Amino acid sequence: MLMPSIFGENFLDDFFDYPMTGGYDTANLMHTDVRETDAGYEVTMDIPGVRKEDVTAELKDGYLTIQASANSDREEKDEDGRYIRRERYTGTSSRSFYVGEDVTEDDIRARFEDGTLRLMIPKKEPKPEVAQQRYIRIEG
């Protein structure tokens, strides 16, 4: 029996190779490399299939959080316009890194190009806390 070409060589190959994540392979999302330099850290994050507008970077309480949203809509039709297969995926992925409480949003440089996000995070020495003497006022 011949199967349509959309299934590959064997129908069961597609069935068993199908990811259990709703039809979108999340195993390759947000692979990250962190490299230390003298000036700071270079973070390179692969975010394939995601547009720049769907990537956000937030710095809060010393944690840098990168979030990416993906929307995928793939459909195949036969000659009559009937659906043979329709697949959709909508979801988000995020990664968080502790960069220190002394790093500000203005210190971090980010560039997104060809599905790769590159961040430059400077090293900041923590400021030593100045010991403040606190006295209790004694009346009388």
N, C-alpha and C. Protein backbone atom coordinates (compact mmCIF):
# COMPACT_ATOMS: atom_id res chain seq x y z
N MET A 1 0.84 -1.18 0.00
CA MET A 1 0.00 0.00 0.00
C MET A 1 0.88 1.24 0.00
N LEU A 2 0.60 2.17 -0.83
CA LEU A 2 1.37 3.40 -0.92
C LEU A 2 0.79 4.44 0.02
N MET A 3 1.68 5.15 0.70
CA MET A 3 1.26 6.21 1.61
C MET A 3 1.63 7.55 0.99
N PRO A 4 0.93 8.61 1.32
CA PRO A 4 1.28 9.93 0.80
C PRO A 4 2.71 10.30 1.19
N SER A 5 3.34 11.11 0.38
CA SER A 5 4.75 11.46 0.59
C SER A 5 4.97 12.29 1.86
N ILE A 6 3.94 12.86 2.42
CA ILE A 6 4.13 13.68 3.63
C ILE A 6 4.55 12.83 4.82
N PHE A 7 4.37 11.53 4.77
CA PHE A 7 4.72 10.68 5.89
C PHE A 7 6.14 10.16 5.83
N GLY A 8 6.90 10.45 4.81
CA GLY A 8 8.26 9.93 4.70
C GLY A 8 8.23 8.53 4.11
N GLU A 9 9.25 7.74 4.42
CA GLU A 9 9.33 6.40 3.84
C GLU A 9 8.39 5.42 4.53
N ASN A 10 8.16 5.60 5.79
CA ASN A 10 7.34 4.65 6.54
C ASN A 10 6.41 5.45 7.46
N PHE A 11 5.16 5.13 7.43
CA PHE A 11 4.18 5.84 8.26
C PHE A 11 4.54 5.76 9.74
N LEU A 12 5.00 4.62 10.21
CA LEU A 12 5.30 4.46 11.63
C LEU A 12 6.53 5.25 12.05
N ASP A 13 7.42 5.58 11.12
CA ASP A 13 8.57 6.42 11.47
C ASP A 13 8.11 7.77 11.97
N ASP A 14 7.14 8.36 11.27
CA ASP A 14 6.62 9.65 11.72
C ASP A 14 5.91 9.54 13.06
N PHE A 15 5.21 8.45 13.26
CA PHE A 15 4.49 8.28 14.51
C PHE A 15 5.44 8.18 15.70
N PHE A 16 6.49 7.37 15.58
CA PHE A 16 7.40 7.17 16.71
C PHE A 16 8.42 8.28 16.87
N ASP A 17 8.70 9.03 15.82
CA ASP A 17 9.64 10.14 15.91
C ASP A 17 8.97 11.44 16.30
N TYR A 18 7.66 11.45 16.41
CA TYR A 18 6.91 12.66 16.70
C TYR A 18 7.20 13.10 18.13
N PRO A 19 7.64 14.34 18.34
CA PRO A 19 7.93 14.78 19.70
C PRO A 19 6.64 14.89 20.52
N MET A 20 6.74 14.61 21.79
CA MET A 20 5.58 14.63 22.68
C MET A 20 5.37 16.02 23.29
N THR A 21 5.72 17.05 22.56
CA THR A 21 5.60 18.41 23.08
C THR A 21 4.57 19.20 22.30
N GLY A 22 3.60 18.54 21.73
CA GLY A 22 2.57 19.25 21.00
C GLY A 22 2.96 19.56 19.58
N GLY A 23 3.97 18.88 19.06
CA GLY A 23 4.34 19.06 17.67
C GLY A 23 5.46 20.04 17.43
N TYR A 24 6.06 20.57 18.46
CA TYR A 24 7.16 21.52 18.28
C TYR A 24 8.33 21.01 19.08
N ASP A 25 9.48 20.90 18.47
CA ASP A 25 10.66 20.33 19.12
C ASP A 25 11.31 21.37 20.01
N THR A 26 11.10 21.28 21.31
CA THR A 26 11.65 22.26 22.25
C THR A 26 13.04 21.87 22.73
N ALA A 27 13.57 20.74 22.29
CA ALA A 27 14.89 20.30 22.73
C ALA A 27 15.98 21.24 22.24
N ASN A 28 15.75 21.94 21.14
CA ASN A 28 16.77 22.82 20.59
C ASN A 28 16.54 24.28 20.93
N LEU A 29 15.64 24.58 21.83
CA LEU A 29 15.38 25.96 22.20
C LEU A 29 16.35 26.43 23.28
N MET A 30 16.85 27.59 23.10
CA MET A 30 17.61 28.33 24.11
C MET A 30 18.87 27.61 24.60
N HIS A 31 19.59 26.97 23.68
CA HIS A 31 20.91 26.45 24.05
C HIS A 31 21.80 27.65 24.33
N THR A 32 22.53 27.62 25.44
CA THR A 32 23.25 28.79 25.90
C THR A 32 24.70 28.48 26.17
N ASP A 33 25.58 29.37 25.71
CA ASP A 33 27.01 29.30 26.02
C ASP A 33 27.35 30.56 26.81
N VAL A 34 28.10 30.39 27.91
CA VAL A 34 28.54 31.53 28.71
C VAL A 34 30.06 31.49 28.73
N ARG A 35 30.67 32.59 28.30
CA ARG A 35 32.13 32.67 28.25
C ARG A 35 32.59 33.83 29.11
N GLU A 36 33.56 33.58 29.96
CA GLU A 36 34.09 34.62 30.82
C GLU A 36 35.27 35.30 30.14
N THR A 37 35.28 36.62 30.16
CA THR A 37 36.40 37.41 29.65
C THR A 37 36.91 38.27 30.79
N ASP A 38 37.95 39.04 30.52
CA ASP A 38 38.47 39.93 31.55
C ASP A 38 37.46 41.01 31.92
N ALA A 39 36.69 41.47 30.93
CA ALA A 39 35.75 42.56 31.17
C ALA A 39 34.40 42.10 31.70
N GLY A 40 34.04 40.85 31.42
CA GLY A 40 32.72 40.39 31.86
C GLY A 40 32.39 39.03 31.31
N TYR A 41 31.12 38.85 30.96
CA TYR A 41 30.64 37.56 30.47
C TYR A 41 29.95 37.76 29.13
N GLU A 42 30.23 36.85 28.21
CA GLU A 42 29.56 36.84 26.91
C GLU A 42 28.59 35.67 26.92
N VAL A 43 27.32 35.97 26.75
CA VAL A 43 26.28 34.94 26.72
C VAL A 43 25.77 34.84 25.29
N THR A 44 25.82 33.64 24.73
CA THR A 44 25.31 33.38 23.39
C THR A 44 24.19 32.36 23.51
N MET A 45 23.00 32.73 23.06
CA MET A 45 21.83 31.89 23.22
C MET A 45 21.18 31.66 21.86
N ASP A 46 21.05 30.39 21.49
CA ASP A 46 20.38 30.04 20.23
C ASP A 46 18.88 29.97 20.46
N ILE A 47 18.14 30.75 19.69
CA ILE A 47 16.68 30.76 19.78
C ILE A 47 16.14 30.63 18.36
N PRO A 48 16.20 29.43 17.78
CA PRO A 48 15.78 29.27 16.38
C PRO A 48 14.28 29.42 16.21
N GLY A 49 13.90 29.99 15.08
CA GLY A 49 12.49 30.12 14.73
C GLY A 49 11.74 31.18 15.50
N VAL A 50 12.45 32.04 16.23
CA VAL A 50 11.82 33.08 17.03
C VAL A 50 12.24 34.43 16.48
N ARG A 51 11.29 35.36 16.38
CA ARG A 51 11.60 36.70 15.91
C ARG A 51 12.10 37.58 17.05
N LYS A 52 12.81 38.63 16.71
CA LYS A 52 13.35 39.56 17.70
C LYS A 52 12.23 40.14 18.56
N GLU A 53 11.08 40.41 17.95
CA GLU A 53 9.96 41.01 18.68
C GLU A 53 9.40 40.07 19.74
N ASP A 54 9.68 38.78 19.63
CA ASP A 54 9.15 37.80 20.57
C ASP A 54 10.13 37.43 21.68
N VAL A 55 11.24 38.17 21.77
CA VAL A 55 12.25 37.91 22.80
C VAL A 55 12.28 39.09 23.76
N THR A 56 12.24 38.81 25.07
CA THR A 56 12.34 39.86 26.08
C THR A 56 13.46 39.51 27.05
N ALA A 57 14.11 40.53 27.56
CA ALA A 57 15.14 40.38 28.58
C ALA A 57 14.79 41.30 29.74
N GLU A 58 14.75 40.73 30.94
CA GLU A 58 14.38 41.51 32.12
C GLU A 58 15.41 41.29 33.21
N LEU A 59 15.77 42.36 33.88
CA LEU A 59 16.70 42.30 35.00
C LEU A 59 15.95 42.68 36.26
N LYS A 60 15.88 41.76 37.21
CA LYS A 60 15.15 42.02 38.44
C LYS A 60 15.84 41.29 39.60
N ASP A 61 16.15 42.04 40.66
CA ASP A 61 16.77 41.50 41.87
C ASP A 61 18.05 40.72 41.56
N GLY A 62 18.82 41.19 40.59
CA GLY A 62 20.08 40.55 40.25
C GLY A 62 19.97 39.37 39.30
N TYR A 63 18.76 39.03 38.88
CA TYR A 63 18.56 37.91 37.95
C TYR A 63 18.17 38.43 36.58
N LEU A 64 18.89 37.96 35.56
CA LEU A 64 18.59 38.29 34.18
C LEU A 64 17.75 37.15 33.62
N THR A 65 16.54 37.46 33.17
CA THR A 65 15.63 36.45 32.63
C THR A 65 15.37 36.75 31.16
N ILE A 66 15.64 35.76 30.32
CA ILE A 66 15.39 35.85 28.89
C ILE A 66 14.17 34.98 28.60
N GLN A 67 13.18 35.55 27.93
CA GLN A 67 11.97 34.81 27.59
C GLN A 67 11.72 34.92 26.09
N ALA A 68 11.39 33.79 25.48
CA ALA A 68 11.11 33.76 24.04
C ALA A 68 9.76 33.10 23.82
N SER A 69 8.95 33.71 22.97
CA SER A 69 7.65 33.16 22.61
C SER A 69 7.71 32.67 21.17
N ALA A 70 7.14 31.50 20.93
CA ALA A 70 7.14 30.93 19.58
C ALA A 70 5.71 30.65 19.16
N ASN A 71 5.41 30.99 17.93
CA ASN A 71 4.11 30.69 17.34
C ASN A 71 4.38 30.01 16.01
N SER A 72 3.88 28.81 15.87
CA SER A 72 4.11 28.06 14.64
C SER A 72 2.77 27.59 14.10
N ASP A 73 2.59 27.77 12.81
CA ASP A 73 1.37 27.32 12.16
C ASP A 73 1.79 26.72 10.83
N ARG A 74 1.68 25.40 10.70
CA ARG A 74 2.09 24.72 9.48
C ARG A 74 0.93 23.88 8.99
N GLU A 75 0.62 24.02 7.72
CA GLU A 75 -0.47 23.22 7.17
C GLU A 75 -0.09 22.73 5.79
N GLU A 76 -0.60 21.57 5.46
CA GLU A 76 -0.38 20.99 4.14
C GLU A 76 -1.74 20.63 3.57
N LYS A 77 -1.93 20.92 2.28
CA LYS A 77 -3.20 20.63 1.63
C LYS A 77 -2.95 19.79 0.39
N ASP A 78 -3.97 19.03 -0.01
CA ASP A 78 -3.87 18.30 -1.27
C ASP A 78 -4.33 19.20 -2.41
N GLU A 79 -4.43 18.67 -3.60
CA GLU A 79 -4.79 19.49 -4.77
C GLU A 79 -6.18 20.11 -4.64
N ASP A 80 -7.09 19.47 -3.94
CA ASP A 80 -8.45 19.97 -3.79
C ASP A 80 -8.58 21.00 -2.68
N GLY A 81 -7.50 21.27 -1.95
CA GLY A 81 -7.56 22.23 -0.87
C GLY A 81 -7.99 21.64 0.46
N ARG A 82 -8.12 20.31 0.53
CA ARG A 82 -8.48 19.67 1.79
C ARG A 82 -7.22 19.48 2.63
N TYR A 83 -7.39 19.57 3.92
CA TYR A 83 -6.25 19.42 4.82
C TYR A 83 -5.81 17.96 4.89
N ILE A 84 -4.53 17.77 4.74
CA ILE A 84 -3.92 16.46 4.98
C ILE A 84 -3.38 16.45 6.41
N ARG A 85 -2.77 17.57 6.80
CA ARG A 85 -2.23 17.69 8.15
C ARG A 85 -2.18 19.17 8.51
N ARG A 86 -2.55 19.52 9.74
CA ARG A 86 -2.43 20.88 10.27
C ARG A 86 -1.75 20.78 11.63
N GLU A 87 -0.75 21.60 11.85
CA GLU A 87 -0.05 21.60 13.13
C GLU A 87 0.10 23.03 13.60
N ARG A 88 -0.10 23.24 14.87
CA ARG A 88 0.06 24.55 15.48
C ARG A 88 0.80 24.38 16.80
N TYR A 89 1.57 25.40 17.14
CA TYR A 89 2.25 25.41 18.42
C TYR A 89 2.35 26.85 18.90
N THR A 90 2.04 27.06 20.13
CA THR A 90 2.23 28.35 20.78
C THR A 90 2.79 28.08 22.16
N GLY A 91 3.86 28.74 22.50
CA GLY A 91 4.44 28.51 23.81
C GLY A 91 5.58 29.47 24.09
N THR A 92 6.08 29.42 25.31
CA THR A 92 7.20 30.26 25.72
C THR A 92 8.25 29.41 26.42
N SER A 93 9.46 29.89 26.34
CA SER A 93 10.58 29.29 27.06
C SER A 93 11.33 30.43 27.72
N SER A 94 11.95 30.14 28.85
CA SER A 94 12.73 31.18 29.51
C SER A 94 13.93 30.56 30.22
N ARG A 95 14.94 31.39 30.38
CA ARG A 95 16.15 31.02 31.12
C ARG A 95 16.49 32.19 32.02
N SER A 96 17.00 31.88 33.22
CA SER A 96 17.39 32.93 34.17
C SER A 96 18.82 32.70 34.61
N PHE A 97 19.54 33.81 34.80
CA PHE A 97 20.93 33.78 35.24
C PHE A 97 21.12 34.83 36.31
N TYR A 98 21.86 34.48 37.36
CA TYR A 98 22.17 35.47 38.38
C TYR A 98 23.39 36.25 37.92
N VAL A 99 23.24 37.58 37.79
CA VAL A 99 24.33 38.43 37.31
C VAL A 99 24.83 39.38 38.39
N GLY A 100 24.17 39.40 39.52
CA GLY A 100 24.58 40.27 40.61
C GLY A 100 23.68 41.48 40.73
N GLU A 101 23.56 41.97 41.92
CA GLU A 101 22.64 43.09 42.17
C GLU A 101 23.23 44.44 41.78
N ASP A 102 24.53 44.48 41.50
CA ASP A 102 25.16 45.75 41.12
C ASP A 102 25.07 46.02 39.62
N VAL A 103 24.68 45.04 38.82
CA VAL A 103 24.54 45.20 37.38
C VAL A 103 23.18 45.84 37.10
N THR A 104 23.17 46.86 36.23
CA THR A 104 21.93 47.53 35.86
C THR A 104 21.59 47.23 34.40
N GLU A 105 20.38 47.61 34.00
CA GLU A 105 19.95 47.40 32.62
C GLU A 105 20.84 48.14 31.63
N ASP A 106 21.34 49.31 32.03
CA ASP A 106 22.19 50.10 31.15
C ASP A 106 23.56 49.46 30.93
N ASP A 107 23.98 48.60 31.84
CA ASP A 107 25.29 47.96 31.73
C ASP A 107 25.29 46.82 30.71
N ILE A 108 24.15 46.20 30.48
CA ILE A 108 24.07 45.01 29.63
C ILE A 108 23.80 45.43 28.18
N ARG A 109 24.59 44.88 27.27
CA ARG A 109 24.37 45.11 25.84
C ARG A 109 23.83 43.82 25.22
N ALA A 110 22.82 43.94 24.38
CA ALA A 110 22.20 42.77 23.76
C ALA A 110 22.04 42.99 22.27
N ARG A 111 22.22 41.89 21.50
CA ARG A 111 22.06 41.95 20.04
C ARG A 111 21.43 40.64 19.59
N PHE A 112 20.39 40.73 18.77
CA PHE A 112 19.70 39.55 18.24
C PHE A 112 19.88 39.53 16.73
N GLU A 113 20.45 38.43 16.23
CA GLU A 113 20.72 38.34 14.80
C GLU A 113 20.70 36.87 14.38
N ASP A 114 19.92 36.57 13.33
CA ASP A 114 19.84 35.22 12.75
C ASP A 114 19.50 34.15 13.79
N GLY A 115 18.58 34.44 14.68
CA GLY A 115 18.15 33.46 15.67
C GLY A 115 19.10 33.27 16.83
N THR A 116 20.08 34.15 16.97
CA THR A 116 21.05 34.05 18.06
C THR A 116 21.05 35.35 18.85
N LEU A 117 20.88 35.24 20.14
CA LEU A 117 20.93 36.38 21.05
C LEU A 117 22.30 36.42 21.71
N ARG A 118 22.97 37.58 21.61
CA ARG A 118 24.28 37.75 22.24
C ARG A 118 24.16 38.85 23.28
N LEU A 119 24.62 38.55 24.48
CA LEU A 119 24.58 39.51 25.58
C LEU A 119 26.00 39.72 26.11
N MET A 120 26.33 40.96 26.41
CA MET A 120 27.59 41.30 27.06
C MET A 120 27.25 41.83 28.45
N ILE A 121 27.70 41.12 29.46
CA ILE A 121 27.39 41.50 30.84
C ILE A 121 28.71 41.82 31.53
N PRO A 122 28.90 43.05 31.98
CA PRO A 122 30.17 43.42 32.61
C PRO A 122 30.30 42.81 34.00
N LYS A 123 31.54 42.62 34.40
CA LYS A 123 31.81 42.19 35.79
C LYS A 123 31.76 43.43 36.66
N LYS A 124 31.05 43.32 37.72
CA LYS A 124 30.98 44.42 38.68
C LYS A 124 31.38 43.88 40.04
N GLU A 125 32.29 44.57 40.66
CA GLU A 125 32.70 44.19 42.01
C GLU A 125 31.63 44.65 42.98
N PRO A 126 31.21 43.77 43.87
CA PRO A 126 30.21 44.21 44.84
C PRO A 126 30.78 45.30 45.73
N LYS A 127 29.98 46.30 45.94
CA LYS A 127 30.41 47.40 46.80
C LYS A 127 30.35 46.95 48.24
N PRO A 128 31.44 47.15 48.97
CA PRO A 128 31.40 46.75 50.37
C PRO A 128 30.42 47.64 51.15
N GLU A 129 29.70 47.00 51.99
CA GLU A 129 28.73 47.75 52.79
C GLU A 129 29.47 48.54 53.86
N VAL A 130 29.11 49.78 53.97
CA VAL A 130 29.71 50.63 54.98
C VAL A 130 28.99 50.35 56.29
N ALA A 131 29.75 50.00 57.26
CA ALA A 131 29.14 49.70 58.56
C ALA A 131 28.63 50.99 59.18
N GLN A 132 27.36 51.02 59.40
CA GLN A 132 26.76 52.19 60.02
C GLN A 132 26.41 51.84 61.46
N GLN A 133 26.85 52.70 62.34
CA GLN A 133 26.51 52.47 63.73
C GLN A 133 25.14 53.05 63.98
N ARG A 134 24.30 52.26 64.55
CA ARG A 134 22.94 52.71 64.84
C ARG A 134 22.76 52.68 66.36
N TYR A 135 22.45 53.83 66.87
CA TYR A 135 22.27 53.95 68.31
C TYR A 135 20.81 54.11 68.64
N ILE A 136 20.46 53.64 69.77
CA ILE A 136 19.12 53.81 70.30
C ILE A 136 19.14 55.00 71.24
N ARG A 137 18.24 55.89 71.00
CA ARG A 137 18.18 57.08 71.84
C ARG A 137 17.65 56.71 73.21
N ILE A 138 18.35 57.14 74.20
CA ILE A 138 17.97 56.86 75.58
C ILE A 138 17.45 58.16 76.19
N GLU A 139 16.25 58.11 76.66
CA GLU A 139 15.63 59.29 77.25
C GLU A 139 15.88 59.34 78.76
N GLY A 140 15.80 60.55 79.30
CA GLY A 140 15.82 60.73 80.74
C GLY A 140 17.04 61.26 81.33
